[in-house]
Amino acid sequence: MSAPFPTFSLSDLDSRARRIFRDIVESYLETGLPVGSKTLALSSGRSLSPATIRNTMAELSRFGLLAAPHVSAGRVPTQAGLRLFVDGLLEIGDLGGDERQRLETRLSGVEQSPDHFLEQTSGMLAGLAGGAGLVLSPSAAPGSPPLRHVEFVALDDGQALVVLVYTDGRIENRLMPRPEGLLPASLERAGNFLSARLKGRRLEEARADILEEMETGQAQIDVAAEGLIKQGLAEWSGSAEATDNKRALIVRGRAQLLDNLEAQTDLERIRLLFEDLERKEELIALLDRTEEADGVKIFIGTENPLFSLSGSSLVIAPYRDAAQNILGAVGVIGPTRLNYARVIPMVDYTAQLVGRRLDPNAR
């Protein structure tokens, strides 16, 4: 993520400037309105005159952290200011027990289908966070069971039949070309090798480990069996990638974005955001990149080119299964004055709940 701001840190501000800056940003996030020096002097509870606060605000504006939307108006944080606040001054705590219980209760329908569960998750985030809720469905079908057994069967037409047996009893048959001269013993060894390494795991989870074992010479199988396995893994991963392209993006709560609009410029910003949300392929690609993050990832304004015109913020987190494999992502998108202190831990905990609910090994 590249930020188009000059390099700046909190150490460049003295304690008074830091306190005033924090008060301005917190007031703006709460009200959405510019903050004036007189208002700040009256509400801060400090013995600072409006003139002193005004001078500090002018200094913060020179640093590019504040801006005046209109002549003689108060100040609002710039995108650089919001980033500095979120990274250095925002106090984020864990959700309280009552809030966790509310989230768990809202998503507790055990009998829900995975699709309905994800729809409910997106709508819940929208209602609680004051923005639109986003959910990216898993790359593999939710609840897809791990494998129990793999077997190769030679056919007369130069092909091999691959029999995949899943832990839920489902059986899947796939055809693949059979290397010339491949003996029945090699077919059996290939099946036994894969069965031992895939048992209780999904194919996409074990693929890298299997390839590494063969590349390092630890597989202890003959060349013909190894070639068959590599060929099969290549073809099957291609099928998985085709499934990825059909991932669903669920967006709920767009009406939340129309609440509390202050001006015509806000309405235009929301119109642009609605257009951005229709570009689902690009948005799915963006959410896929959350795999690079350890936890919650925050995009503010132009930090993400997809929302550069609408000036929106996106708070997103991946959800994982018990083995820490990425399944998908959940998040909230809204104006840059999101309540970050509330939204960030909410998205983080919701991602944990969704991961546990959709983990095929958790049943």
Protein backbone atom coordinates (compact mmCIF):
# COMPACT_ATOMS: atom_id res chain seq x y z
CA MET A 1 0.00 0.00 0.00
CA SER A 2 1.54 3.30 -1.03
CA ALA A 3 0.50 6.52 0.66
CA PRO A 4 0.86 9.76 -1.33
CA PHE A 5 1.82 11.77 1.73
CA PRO A 6 5.03 13.39 2.92
CA THR A 7 6.84 11.38 5.56
CA PHE A 8 5.63 12.57 8.94
CA SER A 9 5.48 11.11 12.44
CA LEU A 10 4.04 12.00 15.81
CA SER A 11 7.54 12.82 17.06
CA ASP A 12 7.40 15.90 14.83
CA LEU A 13 4.62 17.31 17.04
CA ASP A 14 5.06 18.68 20.53
CA SER A 15 2.70 17.52 23.27
CA ARG A 16 0.33 20.49 22.89
CA ALA A 17 0.03 20.09 19.12
CA ARG A 18 -0.54 16.38 19.58
CA ARG A 19 -3.36 16.95 22.08
CA ILE A 20 -5.05 19.55 19.91
CA PHE A 21 -4.69 17.37 16.84
CA ARG A 22 -6.26 14.42 18.67
CA ASP A 23 -9.18 16.57 19.88
CA ILE A 24 -9.86 17.87 16.36
CA VAL A 25 -9.82 14.41 14.77
CA GLU A 26 -11.99 12.83 17.47
CA SER A 27 -14.52 15.67 17.20
CA TYR A 28 -14.60 15.36 13.42
CA LEU A 29 -15.07 11.58 13.55
CA GLU A 30 -17.97 12.05 15.94
CA THR A 31 -19.78 14.89 14.17
CA GLY A 32 -18.43 15.10 10.63
CA LEU A 33 -18.19 18.87 11.03
CA PRO A 34 -15.20 21.25 10.85
CA VAL A 35 -13.77 22.12 14.26
CA GLY A 36 -13.12 25.77 15.16
CA SER A 37 -10.67 27.17 17.68
CA LYS A 38 -13.39 28.69 19.88
CA THR A 39 -15.33 25.44 20.02
CA LEU A 40 -12.17 23.54 20.85
CA ALA A 41 -11.20 26.01 23.58
CA LEU A 42 -14.59 25.63 25.25
CA SER A 43 -14.77 21.85 24.99
CA SER A 44 -11.18 20.87 25.71
CA GLY A 45 -11.24 21.77 29.38
CA ARG A 46 -7.75 23.21 29.05
CA SER A 47 -6.53 26.71 29.80
CA LEU A 48 -5.70 27.46 26.19
CA SER A 49 -6.96 30.57 24.45
CA PRO A 50 -8.63 30.39 21.02
CA ALA A 51 -5.65 32.35 19.64
CA THR A 52 -3.17 29.73 20.92
CA ILE A 53 -5.28 26.91 19.50
CA ARG A 54 -5.66 28.80 16.21
CA ASN A 55 -1.86 29.14 15.88
CA THR A 56 -1.41 25.42 16.53
CA MET A 57 -4.10 24.58 14.00
CA ALA A 58 -2.30 26.73 11.43
CA GLU A 59 0.91 24.82 12.13
CA LEU A 60 -0.88 21.47 11.74
CA SER A 61 -2.30 22.72 8.45
CA ARG A 62 1.21 23.59 7.20
CA PHE A 63 2.23 20.02 8.03
CA GLY A 64 -0.63 18.81 5.80
CA LEU A 65 -2.56 17.22 8.67
CA LEU A 66 -5.52 19.63 8.70
CA ALA A 67 -7.45 21.50 6.03
CA ALA A 68 -10.16 24.17 5.92
CA PRO A 69 -13.06 23.07 3.70
CA HIS A 70 -14.25 26.69 3.38
CA VAL A 71 -12.87 30.15 3.99
CA SER A 72 -13.15 31.14 7.68
CA ALA A 73 -14.38 27.62 8.50
CA GLY A 74 -12.92 25.34 11.13
CA ARG A 75 -10.50 22.55 10.32
CA VAL A 76 -10.97 18.91 9.36
CA PRO A 77 -8.27 16.23 9.21
CA THR A 78 -6.77 15.50 5.82
CA GLN A 79 -6.23 11.98 4.57
CA ALA A 80 -2.65 12.19 5.86
CA GLY A 81 -3.98 13.38 9.20
CA LEU A 82 -6.42 10.49 9.47
CA ARG A 83 -3.67 8.01 8.65
CA LEU A 84 -1.39 9.51 11.31
CA PHE A 85 -4.24 9.40 13.85
CA VAL A 86 -5.19 5.79 13.07
CA ASP A 87 -1.58 4.58 13.15
CA GLY A 88 -0.35 6.52 16.18
CA LEU A 89 -3.12 7.99 18.33
CA LEU A 90 -6.16 5.77 17.97
CA GLU A 91 -6.82 3.71 21.07
CA ILE A 92 -8.29 0.36 20.06
CA GLY A 93 -9.40 -2.02 22.76
CA ASP A 94 -10.86 -5.49 22.64
CA LEU A 95 -14.60 -5.84 22.34
CA GLY A 96 -16.31 -6.20 25.68
CA GLY A 97 -17.97 -9.43 26.69
CA ASP A 98 -21.45 -8.04 26.04
CA GLU A 99 -20.50 -6.89 22.51
CA ARG A 100 -18.92 -10.25 21.71
CA GLN A 101 -22.06 -12.00 22.91
CA ARG A 102 -24.25 -9.79 20.73
CA LEU A 103 -22.18 -10.60 17.64
CA GLU A 104 -22.20 -14.31 18.44
CA THR A 105 -25.97 -14.27 18.97
CA ARG A 106 -26.59 -12.46 15.68
CA LEU A 107 -24.59 -15.12 13.82
CA SER A 108 -25.60 -18.16 15.83
CA GLY A 109 -28.01 -19.85 13.41
CA VAL A 110 -26.44 -23.31 13.26
CA GLU A 111 -28.93 -24.54 10.67
CA GLN A 112 -28.28 -21.66 8.27
CA SER A 113 -26.82 -22.47 4.88
CA PRO A 114 -23.34 -20.99 4.30
CA ASP A 115 -24.79 -18.56 1.72
CA HIS A 116 -27.45 -17.30 4.13
CA PHE A 117 -24.90 -17.05 6.92
CA LEU A 118 -22.61 -14.84 4.80
CA GLU A 119 -25.55 -12.66 3.75
CA GLN A 120 -26.46 -12.21 7.41
CA THR A 121 -22.87 -11.36 8.31
CA SER A 122 -22.67 -8.62 5.69
CA GLY A 123 -25.97 -7.12 6.81
CA MET A 124 -24.98 -7.28 10.48
CA LEU A 125 -21.72 -5.40 9.87
CA ALA A 126 -23.59 -2.73 7.93
CA GLY A 127 -26.12 -2.21 10.68
CA LEU A 128 -23.59 -2.04 13.50
CA ALA A 129 -20.81 -0.06 11.79
CA GLY A 130 -22.78 2.60 9.94
CA GLY A 131 -21.31 1.71 6.55
CA ALA A 132 -21.79 -0.99 3.95
CA GLY A 133 -20.87 -4.53 4.95
CA LEU A 134 -18.67 -6.59 2.64
CA VAL A 135 -18.13 -10.35 2.67
CA LEU A 136 -15.96 -12.27 0.20
CA SER A 137 -17.00 -15.91 0.09
CA PRO A 138 -14.40 -18.69 0.44
CA SER A 139 -12.35 -19.71 -2.58
CA ALA A 140 -13.48 -23.27 -2.01
CA ALA A 141 -17.12 -24.08 -1.41
CA PRO A 142 -18.00 -23.42 2.24
CA GLY A 143 -18.10 -26.67 4.14
CA SER A 144 -16.19 -28.59 1.44
CA PRO A 145 -15.00 -31.74 3.27
CA PRO A 146 -11.42 -32.97 3.40
CA LEU A 147 -10.33 -36.10 1.54
CA ARG A 148 -10.25 -39.65 2.87
CA HIS A 149 -8.78 -41.65 -0.01
CA VAL A 150 -7.31 -41.25 -3.51
CA GLU A 151 -7.09 -44.04 -6.07
CA PHE A 152 -5.86 -44.25 -9.69
CA VAL A 153 -7.43 -46.76 -12.09
CA ALA A 154 -5.90 -47.52 -15.52
CA LEU A 155 -8.32 -47.33 -18.49
CA ASP A 156 -7.85 -48.89 -21.94
CA ASP A 157 -7.88 -45.64 -23.92
CA GLY A 158 -4.63 -44.21 -22.56
CA GLN A 159 -6.33 -42.48 -19.68
CA ALA A 160 -6.46 -42.92 -15.92
CA LEU A 161 -9.49 -42.53 -13.71
CA VAL A 162 -8.86 -40.70 -10.46
CA VAL A 163 -11.27 -41.57 -7.65
CA LEU A 164 -11.44 -38.97 -4.85
CA VAL A 165 -13.29 -40.09 -1.73
CA TYR A 166 -14.25 -37.36 0.76
CA THR A 167 -14.83 -37.68 4.49
CA ASP A 168 -18.57 -37.02 4.06
CA GLY A 169 -18.88 -40.06 1.77
CA ARG A 170 -19.00 -38.10 -1.47
CA ILE A 171 -17.06 -39.69 -4.36
CA GLU A 172 -15.69 -37.68 -7.29
CA ASN A 173 -14.27 -39.23 -10.47
CA ARG A 174 -11.89 -37.36 -12.76
CA LEU A 175 -10.22 -38.39 -16.01
CA MET A 176 -6.61 -37.55 -16.87
CA PRO A 177 -4.10 -38.69 -19.49
CA ARG A 178 -2.04 -41.69 -18.39
CA PRO A 179 1.71 -41.42 -19.09
CA GLU A 180 2.86 -43.98 -21.64
CA GLY A 181 4.35 -47.13 -20.15
CA LEU A 182 2.97 -46.46 -16.67
CA LEU A 183 2.71 -49.77 -14.81
CA PRO A 184 -0.19 -50.72 -12.52
CA ALA A 185 2.24 -50.78 -9.58
CA SER A 186 3.08 -47.10 -10.18
CA LEU A 187 -0.61 -46.23 -10.23
CA GLU A 188 -1.05 -47.98 -6.90
CA ARG A 189 2.00 -46.25 -5.38
CA ALA A 190 0.76 -42.85 -6.57
CA GLY A 191 -2.66 -43.47 -4.98
CA ASN A 192 -1.18 -44.67 -1.70
CA PHE A 193 1.22 -41.72 -1.59
CA LEU A 194 -1.55 -39.16 -2.11
CA SER A 195 -3.98 -40.90 0.24
CA ALA A 196 -1.47 -40.78 3.09
CA ARG A 197 -0.79 -37.08 2.63
CA LEU A 198 -4.30 -35.89 1.79
CA LYS A 199 -6.21 -37.84 4.40
CA GLY A 200 -8.13 -35.36 6.53
CA ARG A 201 -6.95 -32.39 4.45
CA ARG A 202 -8.26 -30.46 1.50
CA LEU A 203 -6.30 -30.61 -1.75
CA GLU A 204 -5.39 -26.90 -1.73
CA GLU A 205 -4.08 -27.21 1.84
CA ALA A 206 -1.71 -30.11 1.08
CA ARG A 207 -0.62 -29.32 -2.47
CA ALA A 208 2.46 -27.25 -1.57
CA ASP A 209 3.66 -29.82 1.00
CA ILE A 210 3.33 -32.67 -1.50
CA LEU A 211 5.25 -30.83 -4.22
CA GLU A 212 8.00 -29.86 -1.78
CA GLU A 213 8.38 -33.45 -0.62
CA MET A 214 8.84 -34.63 -4.19
CA GLU A 215 11.20 -31.78 -5.11
CA THR A 216 13.47 -32.55 -2.14
CA GLY A 217 13.57 -36.25 -2.96
CA GLN A 218 11.79 -37.36 0.21
CA ALA A 219 8.81 -38.91 -1.58
CA GLN A 220 10.48 -42.30 -2.21
CA ILE A 221 8.32 -43.11 -5.22
CA ASP A 222 9.35 -43.95 -8.77
CA VAL A 223 9.64 -41.35 -11.50
CA ALA A 224 6.49 -42.52 -13.30
CA ALA A 225 4.33 -42.23 -10.17
CA GLU A 226 5.84 -38.84 -9.37
CA GLY A 227 5.06 -37.57 -12.87
CA LEU A 228 1.47 -38.75 -12.58
CA ILE A 229 1.03 -36.98 -9.23
CA LYS A 230 2.51 -33.70 -10.49
CA GLN A 231 0.31 -33.85 -13.58
CA GLY A 232 -2.77 -34.46 -11.46
CA LEU A 233 -1.98 -31.68 -8.99
CA ALA A 234 -1.45 -29.24 -11.86
CA GLU A 235 -4.79 -30.10 -13.44
CA TRP A 236 -6.70 -30.10 -10.16
CA SER A 237 -5.24 -26.75 -9.06
CA GLY A 238 -6.38 -25.33 -12.39
CA SER A 239 -9.90 -26.39 -11.50
CA ALA A 240 -9.52 -24.70 -8.12
CA GLU A 241 -8.46 -21.46 -9.77
CA ALA A 242 -11.54 -21.59 -11.98
CA THR A 243 -13.60 -21.87 -8.83
CA ASP A 244 -11.81 -18.82 -7.37
CA ASN A 245 -13.00 -16.71 -10.30
CA LYS A 246 -16.58 -17.44 -9.27
CA ARG A 247 -16.16 -16.19 -5.71
CA ALA A 248 -19.14 -14.24 -4.46
CA LEU A 249 -18.93 -10.71 -3.13
CA ILE A 250 -21.82 -9.86 -0.83
CA VAL A 251 -22.50 -6.14 -0.23
CA ARG A 252 -25.26 -5.14 2.17
CA GLY A 253 -26.31 -1.90 3.84
CA ARG A 254 -25.81 0.63 1.07
CA ALA A 255 -28.69 2.63 2.54
CA GLN A 256 -26.51 3.18 5.62
CA LEU A 257 -24.22 5.31 3.46
CA LEU A 258 -27.08 7.71 2.67
CA ASP A 259 -27.68 8.60 6.30
CA ASN A 260 -26.49 11.93 7.72
CA LEU A 261 -25.38 13.47 4.43
CA GLU A 262 -24.28 17.04 5.15
CA ALA A 263 -24.06 18.51 1.65
CA GLN A 264 -24.46 17.89 -2.06
CA THR A 265 -20.77 16.99 -2.18
CA ASP A 266 -21.50 14.09 0.19
CA LEU A 267 -24.22 12.83 -2.13
CA GLU A 268 -21.82 12.94 -5.08
CA ARG A 269 -19.22 11.04 -3.06
CA ILE A 270 -21.74 8.31 -2.24
CA ARG A 271 -22.79 8.12 -5.90
CA LEU A 272 -19.17 7.51 -6.86
CA LEU A 273 -18.83 4.91 -4.10
CA PHE A 274 -21.89 3.05 -5.39
CA GLU A 275 -20.23 2.95 -8.81
CA ASP A 276 -17.05 1.56 -7.21
CA LEU A 277 -19.02 -1.17 -5.47
CA GLU A 278 -20.37 -2.32 -8.82
CA ARG A 279 -16.82 -3.05 -10.00
CA LYS A 280 -16.91 -6.36 -8.21
CA GLU A 281 -14.00 -8.06 -9.97
CA GLU A 282 -11.63 -5.29 -8.90
CA LEU A 283 -13.06 -5.28 -5.41
CA ILE A 284 -12.64 -9.05 -5.11
CA ALA A 285 -9.00 -8.65 -6.20
CA LEU A 286 -8.54 -6.01 -3.50
CA LEU A 287 -10.05 -8.21 -0.81
CA ASP A 288 -7.91 -11.14 -1.94
CA ARG A 289 -4.84 -9.05 -1.13
CA THR A 290 -5.80 -9.11 2.54
CA GLU A 291 -3.94 -12.44 2.60
CA GLU A 292 -0.79 -10.32 2.87
CA ALA A 293 -2.00 -8.87 6.19
CA ASP A 294 -1.74 -10.57 9.57
CA GLY A 295 -4.98 -9.01 10.75
CA VAL A 296 -7.15 -6.00 10.05
CA LYS A 297 -6.09 -3.85 7.09
CA ILE A 298 -7.23 -0.24 6.72
CA PHE A 299 -7.39 1.75 3.48
CA ILE A 300 -8.10 5.48 3.78
CA GLY A 301 -9.15 7.49 0.71
CA THR A 302 -6.68 7.31 -2.16
CA GLU A 303 -4.54 4.66 -0.45
CA ASN A 304 -6.69 2.33 -2.52
CA PRO A 305 -7.09 3.52 -6.14
CA LEU A 306 -10.47 1.80 -6.43
CA PHE A 307 -12.01 4.31 -4.01
CA SER A 308 -9.84 7.32 -4.83
CA LEU A 309 -12.70 9.41 -6.24
CA SER A 310 -15.24 8.69 -3.53
CA GLY A 311 -12.81 9.33 -0.67
CA SER A 312 -13.95 6.30 1.30
CA SER A 313 -12.33 4.15 3.97
CA LEU A 314 -12.23 0.37 3.97
CA VAL A 315 -11.61 -1.76 7.08
CA ILE A 316 -11.06 -5.38 6.08
CA ALA A 317 -9.88 -8.60 7.71
CA PRO A 318 -9.33 -12.13 6.39
CA TYR A 319 -11.15 -15.02 8.00
CA ARG A 320 -9.32 -18.31 8.40
CA ASP A 321 -9.91 -21.93 9.30
CA ALA A 322 -8.33 -23.67 12.29
CA ALA A 323 -5.16 -24.33 10.27
CA GLN A 324 -4.87 -20.58 9.52
CA ASN A 325 -5.65 -21.03 5.84
CA ILE A 326 -7.32 -17.96 4.31
CA LEU A 327 -10.94 -18.67 3.42
CA GLY A 328 -12.24 -15.20 2.54
CA ALA A 329 -12.61 -11.70 3.97
CA VAL A 330 -15.11 -9.49 5.79
CA GLY A 331 -15.13 -5.73 6.10
CA VAL A 332 -16.87 -2.39 6.24
CA ILE A 333 -16.69 0.48 3.75
CA GLY A 334 -17.91 3.99 4.45
CA PRO A 335 -16.87 7.63 4.71
CA THR A 336 -13.41 8.41 6.00
CA ARG A 337 -14.94 9.49 9.30
CA LEU A 338 -15.78 5.94 10.28
CA ASN A 339 -15.71 5.22 13.98
CA TYR A 340 -12.40 3.37 13.64
CA ALA A 341 -12.09 2.58 17.35
CA ARG A 342 -15.36 0.64 17.17
CA VAL A 343 -15.24 -0.72 13.62
CA ILE A 344 -11.71 -2.20 13.70
CA PRO A 345 -12.22 -4.62 16.64
CA MET A 346 -15.74 -5.41 15.37
CA VAL A 347 -14.45 -6.47 11.94
CA ASP A 348 -11.60 -8.41 13.55
CA TYR A 349 -13.87 -10.42 15.86
CA THR A 350 -16.48 -10.99 13.14
CA ALA A 351 -13.74 -12.46 10.94
CA GLN A 352 -12.90 -14.89 13.74
CA LEU A 353 -16.54 -15.93 14.10
CA VAL A 354 -16.97 -16.44 10.36
CA GLY A 355 -13.78 -18.50 10.15
CA ARG A 356 -14.96 -20.83 12.91
CA ARG A 357 -18.42 -21.14 11.36
CA LEU A 358 -17.16 -22.01 7.88
CA ASP A 359 -14.21 -24.21 8.90
CA PRO A 360 -15.05 -27.64 7.45
CA ASN A 361 -12.98 -29.31 10.17
CA ALA A 362 -14.90 -27.63 13.00
CA ARG A 363 -18.01 -29.75 12.63
